[in-house]
Amino acid sequence: GDNSLDFSKIIQLAGDLPQADGKQNGIIDAYDTTFIRQNLGSSDAGKTNIGDLNYDGIIDSQDYSIVLQSLSIKYDEE
């Protein structure tokens, strides 16, 4: 059959970056913020594939701001 899913009211937070083994741990934590902070200004393809959250080709302060914004949201808030 045809499956139709509506995710329009589900918030998808950016910032849970894949770790060295390629897997994500399901939370935004110190690893994610540290990765972006340590690679600020990088346009290396291997690093931007992980940390370029706004897809502009460079890991910059906008990507860091996205992670910080995601950290400010709690799942149990209404």
PDB file of N, CA and C in Angstrom:
ATOM      1  N   GLY A   1       0.804  -1.178   0.000  1.00  0.00           N
ATOM      2  CA  GLY A   1       0.000   0.000   0.000  1.00  0.00           C
ATOM      3  C   GLY A   1       0.851   1.247   0.000  1.00  0.00           C
ATOM      4  N   ASP A   2       0.152   2.329   0.085  1.00  0.00           N
ATOM      5  CA  ASP A   2       0.765   3.657   0.084  1.00  0.00           C
ATOM      6  C   ASP A   2       0.850   4.162   1.521  1.00  0.00           C
ATOM      7  N   ASN A   3       2.038   4.517   1.954  1.00  0.00           N
ATOM      8  CA  ASN A   3       2.231   5.053   3.297  1.00  0.00           C
ATOM      9  C   ASN A   3       2.414   6.552   3.219  1.00  0.00           C
ATOM     10  N   SER A   4       1.682   7.262   4.037  1.00  0.00           N
ATOM     11  CA  SER A   4       1.802   8.709   4.092  1.00  0.00           C
ATOM     12  C   SER A   4       2.076   9.118   5.536  1.00  0.00           C
ATOM     13  N   LEU A   5       3.226   9.733   5.760  1.00  0.00           N
ATOM     14  CA  LEU A   5       3.607  10.141   7.108  1.00  0.00           C
ATOM     15  C   LEU A   5       3.708  11.653   7.174  1.00  0.00           C
ATOM     16  N   ASP A   6       3.181  12.237   8.235  1.00  0.00           N
ATOM     17  CA  ASP A   6       3.218  13.683   8.423  1.00  0.00           C
ATOM     18  C   ASP A   6       4.124  14.015   9.605  1.00  0.00           C
ATOM     19  N   PHE A   7       5.294  14.562   9.312  1.00  0.00           N
ATOM     20  CA  PHE A   7       6.230  14.943  10.355  1.00  0.00           C
ATOM     21  C   PHE A   7       6.277  16.458  10.535  1.00  0.00           C
ATOM     22  N   SER A   8       5.265  17.161  10.076  1.00  0.00           N
ATOM     23  CA  SER A   8       5.283  18.617  10.103  1.00  0.00           C
ATOM     24  C   SER A   8       5.270  19.196  11.515  1.00  0.00           C
ATOM     25  N   LYS A   9       4.788  18.477  12.502  1.00  0.00           N
ATOM     26  CA  LYS A   9       4.736  19.002  13.865  1.00  0.00           C
ATOM     27  C   LYS A   9       5.816  18.401  14.764  1.00  0.00           C
ATOM     28  N   ILE A  10       6.803  17.745  14.170  1.00  0.00           N
ATOM     29  CA  ILE A  10       7.896  17.153  14.921  1.00  0.00           C
ATOM     30  C   ILE A  10       9.146  17.995  14.709  1.00  0.00           C
ATOM     31  N   ILE A  11       9.744  18.436  15.804  1.00  0.00           N
ATOM     32  CA  ILE A  11      10.950  19.254  15.730  1.00  0.00           C
ATOM     33  C   ILE A  11      12.167  18.335  15.610  1.00  0.00           C
ATOM     34  N   GLN A  12      12.958  18.566  14.575  1.00  0.00           N
ATOM     35  CA  GLN A  12      14.195  17.826  14.371  1.00  0.00           C
ATOM     36  C   GLN A  12      15.356  18.755  14.715  1.00  0.00           C
ATOM     37  N   LEU A  13      16.035  18.482  15.815  1.00  0.00           N
ATOM     38  CA  LEU A  13      17.143  19.327  16.245  1.00  0.00           C
ATOM     39  C   LEU A  13      18.435  18.907  15.551  1.00  0.00           C
ATOM     40  N   ALA A  14      19.202  19.886  15.128  1.00  0.00           N
ATOM     41  CA  ALA A  14      20.496  19.612  14.487  1.00  0.00           C
ATOM     42  C   ALA A  14      21.581  19.613  15.542  1.00  0.00           C
ATOM     43  N   GLY A  15      22.575  18.771  15.363  1.00  0.00           N
ATOM     44  CA  GLY A  15      23.723  18.818  16.243  1.00  0.00           C
ATOM     45  C   GLY A  15      24.213  17.488  16.754  1.00  0.00           C
ATOM     46  N   ASP A  16      23.468  16.415  16.608  1.00  0.00           N
ATOM     47  CA  ASP A  16      23.955  15.102  17.032  1.00  0.00           C
ATOM     48  C   ASP A  16      24.848  14.569  15.925  1.00  0.00           C
ATOM     49  N   LEU A  17      26.142  14.830  16.039  1.00  0.00           N
ATOM     50  CA  LEU A  17      27.088  14.500  14.974  1.00  0.00           C
ATOM     51  C   LEU A  17      27.558  13.059  15.080  1.00  0.00           C
ATOM     52  N   PRO A  18      27.827  12.431  13.933  1.00  0.00           N
ATOM     53  CA  PRO A  18      28.379  11.071  13.965  1.00  0.00           C
ATOM     54  C   PRO A  18      29.765  11.075  14.598  1.00  0.00           C
ATOM     55  N   GLN A  19      30.045  10.051  15.388  1.00  0.00           N
ATOM     56  CA  GLN A  19      31.347   9.939  16.038  1.00  0.00           C
ATOM     57  C   GLN A  19      32.312   9.170  15.141  1.00  0.00           C
ATOM     58  N   ALA A  20      33.475   8.834  15.635  1.00  0.00           N
ATOM     59  CA  ALA A  20      34.530   8.201  14.826  1.00  0.00           C
ATOM     60  C   ALA A  20      34.075   6.916  14.161  1.00  0.00           C
ATOM     61  N   ASP A  21      33.185   6.173  14.802  1.00  0.00           N
ATOM     62  CA  ASP A  21      32.701   4.917  14.229  1.00  0.00           C
ATOM     63  C   ASP A  21      31.546   5.123  13.250  1.00  0.00           C
ATOM     64  N   GLY A  22      31.154   6.398  13.022  1.00  0.00           N
ATOM     65  CA  GLY A  22      30.083   6.716  12.083  1.00  0.00           C
ATOM     66  C   GLY A  22      28.691   6.665  12.673  1.00  0.00           C
ATOM     67  N   LYS A  23      28.600   6.334  13.948  1.00  0.00           N
ATOM     68  CA  LYS A  23      27.291   6.241  14.595  1.00  0.00           C
ATOM     69  C   LYS A  23      27.025   7.466  15.446  1.00  0.00           C
ATOM     70  N   GLN A  24      25.750   7.799  15.581  1.00  0.00           N
ATOM     71  CA  GLN A  24      25.327   8.890  16.441  1.00  0.00           C
ATOM     72  C   GLN A  24      24.836   8.310  17.757  1.00  0.00           C
ATOM     73  N   ASN A  25      25.018   9.069  18.846  1.00  0.00           N
ATOM     74  CA  ASN A  25      24.610   8.561  20.146  1.00  0.00           C
ATOM     75  C   ASN A  25      23.208   9.012  20.561  1.00  0.00           C
ATOM     76  N   GLY A  26      22.553   9.800  19.729  1.00  0.00           N
ATOM     77  CA  GLY A  26      21.168  10.173  19.990  1.00  0.00           C
ATOM     78  C   GLY A  26      20.977  11.408  20.847  1.00  0.00           C
ATOM     79  N   ILE A  27      22.064  12.034  21.276  1.00  0.00           N
ATOM     80  CA  ILE A  27      21.957  13.249  22.076  1.00  0.00           C
ATOM     81  C   ILE A  27      22.971  14.274  21.587  1.00  0.00           C
ATOM     82  N   ILE A  28      22.683  15.527  21.844  1.00  0.00           N
ATOM     83  CA  ILE A  28      23.624  16.598  21.538  1.00  0.00           C
ATOM     84  C   ILE A  28      24.413  16.834  22.820  1.00  0.00           C
ATOM     85  N   ASP A  29      25.717  16.640  22.758  1.00  0.00           N
ATOM     86  CA  ASP A  29      26.529  16.706  23.962  1.00  0.00           C
ATOM     87  C   ASP A  29      27.852  17.406  23.691  1.00  0.00           C
ATOM     88  N   ALA A  30      28.781  17.278  24.645  1.00  0.00           N
ATOM     89  CA  ALA A  30      30.079  17.944  24.551  1.00  0.00           C
ATOM     90  C   ALA A  30      30.860  17.503  23.315  1.00  0.00           C
ATOM     91  N   TYR A  31      30.715  16.246  22.898  1.00  0.00           N
ATOM     92  CA  TYR A  31      31.421  15.787  21.700  1.00  0.00           C
ATOM     93  C   TYR A  31      31.035  16.648  20.497  1.00  0.00           C
ATOM     94  N   ASP A  32      29.746  16.896  20.348  1.00  0.00           N
ATOM     95  CA  ASP A  32      29.246  17.631  19.183  1.00  0.00           C
ATOM     96  C   ASP A  32      29.728  19.082  19.184  1.00  0.00           C
ATOM     97  N   THR A  33      29.603  19.759  20.332  1.00  0.00           N
ATOM     98  CA  THR A  33      30.041  21.152  20.400  1.00  0.00           C
ATOM     99  C   THR A  33      31.555  21.260  20.246  1.00  0.00           C
ATOM    100  N   THR A  34      32.292  20.328  20.833  1.00  0.00           N
ATOM    101  CA  THR A  34      33.747  20.349  20.736  1.00  0.00           C
ATOM    102  C   THR A  34      34.215  20.112  19.301  1.00  0.00           C
ATOM    103  N   PHE A  35      33.581  19.188  18.596  1.00  0.00           N
ATOM    104  CA  PHE A  35      33.956  18.921  17.205  1.00  0.00           C
ATOM    105  C   PHE A  35      33.827  20.192  16.373  1.00  0.00           C
ATOM    106  N   ILE A  36      32.722  20.878  16.513  1.00  0.00           N
ATOM    107  CA  ILE A  36      32.514  22.089  15.714  1.00  0.00           C
ATOM    108  C   ILE A  36      33.489  23.177  16.141  1.00  0.00           C
ATOM    109  N   ARG A  37      33.666  23.373  17.439  1.00  0.00           N
ATOM    110  CA  ARG A  37      34.567  24.412  17.925  1.00  0.00           C
ATOM    111  C   ARG A  37      36.005  24.151  17.472  1.00  0.00           C
ATOM    112  N   GLN A  38      36.453  22.904  17.498  1.00  0.00           N
ATOM    113  CA  GLN A  38      37.824  22.594  17.091  1.00  0.00           C
ATOM    114  C   GLN A  38      38.034  22.681  15.582  1.00  0.00           C
ATOM    115  N   ASN A  39      36.957  22.652  14.825  1.00  0.00           N
ATOM    116  CA  ASN A  39      37.081  22.691  13.366  1.00  0.00           C
ATOM    117  C   ASN A  39      36.511  23.964  12.754  1.00  0.00           C
ATOM    118  N   LEU A  40      36.374  25.015  13.560  1.00  0.00           N
ATOM    119  CA  LEU A  40      35.879  26.289  13.033  1.00  0.00           C
ATOM    120  C   LEU A  40      36.789  26.767  11.904  1.00  0.00           C
ATOM    121  N   GLY A  41      36.196  27.166  10.818  1.00  0.00           N
ATOM    122  CA  GLY A  41      36.943  27.649   9.663  1.00  0.00           C
ATOM    123  C   GLY A  41      37.354  26.566   8.690  1.00  0.00           C
ATOM    124  N   SER A  42      37.077  25.313   9.009  1.00  0.00           N
ATOM    125  CA  SER A  42      37.483  24.204   8.148  1.00  0.00           C
ATOM    126  C   SER A  42      36.536  24.048   6.961  1.00  0.00           C
ATOM    127  N   SER A  43      37.127  23.841   5.797  1.00  0.00           N
ATOM    128  CA  SER A  43      36.331  23.522   4.611  1.00  0.00           C
ATOM    129  C   SER A  43      36.749  22.160   4.062  1.00  0.00           C
ATOM    130  N   ASP A  44      37.483  21.397   4.877  1.00  0.00           N
ATOM    131  CA  ASP A  44      37.889  20.039   4.529  1.00  0.00           C
ATOM    132  C   ASP A  44      36.639  19.172   4.363  1.00  0.00           C
ATOM    133  N   ALA A  45      36.546  18.481   3.243  1.00  0.00           N
ATOM    134  CA  ALA A  45      35.335  17.708   2.930  1.00  0.00           C
ATOM    135  C   ALA A  45      35.022  16.659   3.987  1.00  0.00           C
ATOM    136  N   GLY A  46      36.025  16.015   4.539  1.00  0.00           N
ATOM    137  CA  GLY A  46      35.796  14.999   5.558  1.00  0.00           C
ATOM    138  C   GLY A  46      35.174  15.568   6.819  1.00  0.00           C
ATOM    139  N   LYS A  47      35.578  16.781   7.162  1.00  0.00           N
ATOM    140  CA  LYS A  47      35.048  17.420   8.364  1.00  0.00           C
ATOM    141  C   LYS A  47      33.715  18.108   8.108  1.00  0.00           C
ATOM    142  N   THR A  48      33.560  18.731   6.944  1.00  0.00           N
ATOM    143  CA  THR A  48      32.288  19.410   6.665  1.00  0.00           C
ATOM    144  C   THR A  48      31.157  18.405   6.469  1.00  0.00           C
ATOM    145  N   ASN A  49      31.477  17.194   6.044  1.00  0.00           N
ATOM    146  CA  ASN A  49      30.435  16.162   5.949  1.00  0.00           C
ATOM    147  C   ASN A  49      29.835  15.866   7.310  1.00  0.00           C
ATOM    148  N   ILE A  50      30.582  16.119   8.364  1.00  0.00           N
ATOM    149  CA  ILE A  50      30.116  15.855   9.729  1.00  0.00           C
ATOM    150  C   ILE A  50      29.563  17.122  10.380  1.00  0.00           C
ATOM    151  N   GLY A  51      30.299  18.223  10.319  1.00  0.00           N
ATOM    152  CA  GLY A  51      29.966  19.391  11.134  1.00  0.00           C
ATOM    153  C   GLY A  51      29.362  20.587  10.439  1.00  0.00           C
ATOM    154  N   ASP A  52      29.205  20.561   9.120  1.00  0.00           N
ATOM    155  CA  ASP A  52      28.608  21.693   8.407  1.00  0.00           C
ATOM    156  C   ASP A  52      27.089  21.542   8.431  1.00  0.00           C
ATOM    157  N   LEU A  53      26.462  22.068   9.471  1.00  0.00           N
ATOM    158  CA  LEU A  53      25.037  21.842   9.694  1.00  0.00           C
ATOM    159  C   LEU A  53      24.136  22.648   8.773  1.00  0.00           C
ATOM    160  N   ASN A  54      24.621  23.772   8.248  1.00  0.00           N
ATOM    161  CA  ASN A  54      23.789  24.572   7.347  1.00  0.00           C
ATOM    162  C   ASN A  54      24.196  24.418   5.881  1.00  0.00           C
ATOM    163  N   TYR A  55      25.095  23.484   5.613  1.00  0.00           N
ATOM    164  CA  TYR A  55      25.491  23.112   4.244  1.00  0.00           C
ATOM    165  C   TYR A  55      25.997  24.288   3.406  1.00  0.00           C
ATOM    166  N   ASP A  56      26.819  25.156   4.017  1.00  0.00           N
ATOM    167  CA  ASP A  56      27.386  26.251   3.235  1.00  0.00           C
ATOM    168  C   ASP A  56      28.842  25.994   2.845  1.00  0.00           C
ATOM    169  N   GLY A  57      29.340  24.788   3.117  1.00  0.00           N
ATOM    170  CA  GLY A  57      30.667  24.397   2.679  1.00  0.00           C
ATOM    171  C   GLY A  57      31.790  24.680   3.658  1.00  0.00           C
ATOM    172  N   ILE A  58      31.469  25.204   4.832  1.00  0.00           N
ATOM    173  CA  ILE A  58      32.480  25.518   5.836  1.00  0.00           C
ATOM    174  C   ILE A  58      31.868  25.355   7.229  1.00  0.00           C
ATOM    175  N   ILE A  59      32.693  24.905   8.165  1.00  0.00           N
ATOM    176  CA  ILE A  59      32.237  24.838   9.555  1.00  0.00           C
ATOM    177  C   ILE A  59      32.543  26.201  10.163  1.00  0.00           C
ATOM    178  N   ASP A  60      31.504  26.918  10.535  1.00  0.00           N
ATOM    179  CA  ASP A  60      31.694  28.277  11.030  1.00  0.00           C
ATOM    180  C   ASP A  60      30.797  28.569  12.229  1.00  0.00           C
ATOM    181  N   SER A  61      30.754  29.827  12.615  1.00  0.00           N
ATOM    182  CA  SER A  61      29.995  30.220  13.801  1.00  0.00           C
ATOM    183  C   SER A  61      28.501  29.953  13.645  1.00  0.00           C
ATOM    184  N   GLN A  62      28.007  29.919  12.422  1.00  0.00           N
ATOM    185  CA  GLN A  62      26.594  29.603  12.221  1.00  0.00           C
ATOM    186  C   GLN A  62      26.305  28.159  12.626  1.00  0.00           C
ATOM    187  N   ASP A  63      27.192  27.260  12.302  1.00  0.00           N
ATOM    188  CA  ASP A  63      27.025  25.858  12.697  1.00  0.00           C
ATOM    189  C   ASP A  63      27.096  25.723  14.224  1.00  0.00           C
ATOM    190  N   TYR A  64      28.027  26.457  14.831  1.00  0.00           N
ATOM    191  CA  TYR A  64      28.146  26.437  16.285  1.00  0.00           C
ATOM    192  C   TYR A  64      26.878  26.981  16.935  1.00  0.00           C
ATOM    193  N   SER A  65      26.316  28.038  16.362  1.00  0.00           N
ATOM    194  CA  SER A  65      25.071  28.623  16.886  1.00  0.00           C
ATOM    195  C   SER A  65      23.905  27.645  16.775  1.00  0.00           C
ATOM    196  N   ILE A  66      23.868  26.866  15.709  1.00  0.00           N
ATOM    197  CA  ILE A  66      22.803  25.878  15.527  1.00  0.00           C
ATOM    198  C   ILE A  66      22.855  24.839  16.649  1.00  0.00           C
ATOM    199  N   VAL A  67      24.056  24.375  16.971  1.00  0.00           N
ATOM    200  CA  VAL A  67      24.202  23.395  18.050  1.00  0.00           C
ATOM    201  C   VAL A  67      23.812  24.012  19.387  1.00  0.00           C
ATOM    202  N   LEU A  68      24.259  25.233  19.643  1.00  0.00           N
ATOM    203  CA  LEU A  68      23.906  25.885  20.902  1.00  0.00           C
ATOM    204  C   LEU A  68      22.402  26.096  21.017  1.00  0.00           C
ATOM    205  N   GLN A  69      21.763  26.458  19.922  1.00  0.00           N
ATOM    206  CA  GLN A  69      20.307  26.633  19.927  1.00  0.00           C
ATOM    207  C   GLN A  69      19.620  25.308  20.234  1.00  0.00           C
ATOM    208  N   SER A  70      20.110  24.237  19.659  1.00  0.00           N
ATOM    209  CA  SER A  70      19.533  22.920  19.920  1.00  0.00           C
ATOM    210  C   SER A  70      19.708  22.527  21.384  1.00  0.00           C
ATOM    211  N   LEU A  71      20.832  22.893  21.972  1.00  0.00           N
ATOM    212  CA  LEU A  71      21.072  22.586  23.379  1.00  0.00           C
ATOM    213  C   LEU A  71      20.136  23.355  24.309  1.00  0.00           C
ATOM    214  N   SER A  72      19.623  24.488  23.844  1.00  0.00           N
ATOM    215  CA  SER A  72      18.756  25.304  24.696  1.00  0.00           C
ATOM    216  C   SER A  72      17.323  24.778  24.760  1.00  0.00           C
ATOM    217  N   ILE A  73      16.989  23.797  23.939  1.00  0.00           N
ATOM    218  CA  ILE A  73      15.622  23.253  23.903  1.00  0.00           C
ATOM    219  C   ILE A  73      15.581  21.959  24.702  1.00  0.00           C
ATOM    220  N   LYS A  74      14.613  21.872  25.583  1.00  0.00           N
ATOM    221  CA  LYS A  74      14.417  20.656  26.376  1.00  0.00           C
ATOM    222  C   LYS A  74      13.206  19.913  25.802  1.00  0.00           C
ATOM    223  N   TYR A  75      13.325  18.594  25.718  1.00  0.00           N
ATOM    224  CA  TYR A  75      12.245  17.795  25.141  1.00  0.00           C
ATOM    225  C   TYR A  75      10.953  17.857  25.958  1.00  0.00           C
ATOM    226  N   ASP A  76      11.071  18.097  27.255  1.00  0.00           N
ATOM    227  CA  ASP A  76       9.879  18.086  28.085  1.00  0.00           C
ATOM    228  C   ASP A  76       9.214  19.459  28.202  1.00  0.00           C
ATOM    229  N   GLU A  77       9.729  20.470  27.468  1.00  0.00           N
ATOM    230  CA  GLU A  77       9.089  21.778  27.465  1.00  0.00           C
ATOM    231  C   GLU A  77       7.790  21.713  26.665  1.00  0.00           C
ATOM    232  N   GLU A  78       6.882  22.559  27.040  1.00  0.00           N
ATOM    233  CA  GLU A  78       5.613  22.599  26.295  1.00  0.00           C
ATOM    234  C   GLU A  78       5.528  23.834  25.463  1.00  0.00           C
TER     235      GLU A  78
END
